[in-house]
Amino acid sequence: MSVTQTDPPPRPPLLDQVIRFLVWFTVLGFIATPLVVLTMTYGHVLGSVAGRNNDRFQQILEQAGPRDEPASKPGIVTSVLDKERGRQIARLRALTGRPEMASGTTASLQIIAVAFDSTKPGGGGTSSQARQAVDQDGYRILQLDLKQAPRDAVVIIADQPIRWRLQGLTPGSAPRVGFEGYAAFDVSDAQPGSLAGFRIGAFGAPSFARPVDPTGGEVSNRQGLCTSLQNWADHFGLPFDAIRYTLLLNPSRITPTSGLAQSDGSTDKTMYAGDLDRLCKQRARR
């Protein structure tokens, strides 16, 4: 059997080549377009992530480097640092006894509010100002003598910074002195465990009573006082009818007694248990 050589197939005409090129170009275009879109999308996402990482890294570098510390809270800048206030609160807490030591150790509760109708005395001043002293750090100096009321708990309410010189607290006695109000306070001649507690706005307390006449003015003053009375009565383990309230103006010395609190200031308001009960029942109905 013989094999004869065949002629090569003829080349497709030019039109066929063009059509074939366009077909393959279209097919490749359909395949490549999604790949290009995906590449661009992932590139944008990765670029954003990298940008955020770079921003975070820049923040870390800025935090690690030296910088001026901003104020911890917006408002008026003073020279009192948070650490100083923390040490002050820690010292007062060290002077404060456990609540179990205060509960059930007194027969009655005197709430003494202290208010001032004038600014702190300077170099001169009126006769009422002349007897009042102010320490270099801005605390008024007041004396609280507890010798004549050994069975009474005493709570001071004040809105100005006062440094109290306590007298009449015997070593080892139950804590029976408390403090409330907006401004910071300090005590001298106090021993560990001698204070019953404190609630001060400048120390972070969210609510506190004001040294005002609760029968007049804003209803919130009545509400604040009644809440304070009940809290302190519960703290000392006393019924509500064991409380009396005195508002003193411009004192420098205070001596609680079995009756009214004595002072070198003036007595603006005195309320006994019945008055306070009516006041707080009225407050509760509002």
Foldseek 3Di string as FASTA:
>chain_A
DDDDDDDDDDDDDPVVVVVVVVVVVVVVCVVVVVVVVVVVVVVVVVVVVVVVVVVVVVVVVVVPDDDDDDDPDDDDDDPDDPVNLVVQVVVVLQQAADLVLQAPQAQFEEEEEEAEPDDQDDPDDDPLNVVWDADPVGAIEAEEEAQQRLRYAYEYEYAGEHEYEYHNQDPPHGARYEYWYADHYHYPPGDGNNHHYYAYNVSPHPAAAHLDDCVDDDLVNLVRVLVVLVVVCVSHNHDLQRYKYWRWYSFRYWYDHPDHIDTPTDTDDIGHSVRNVVSVVVSVVD
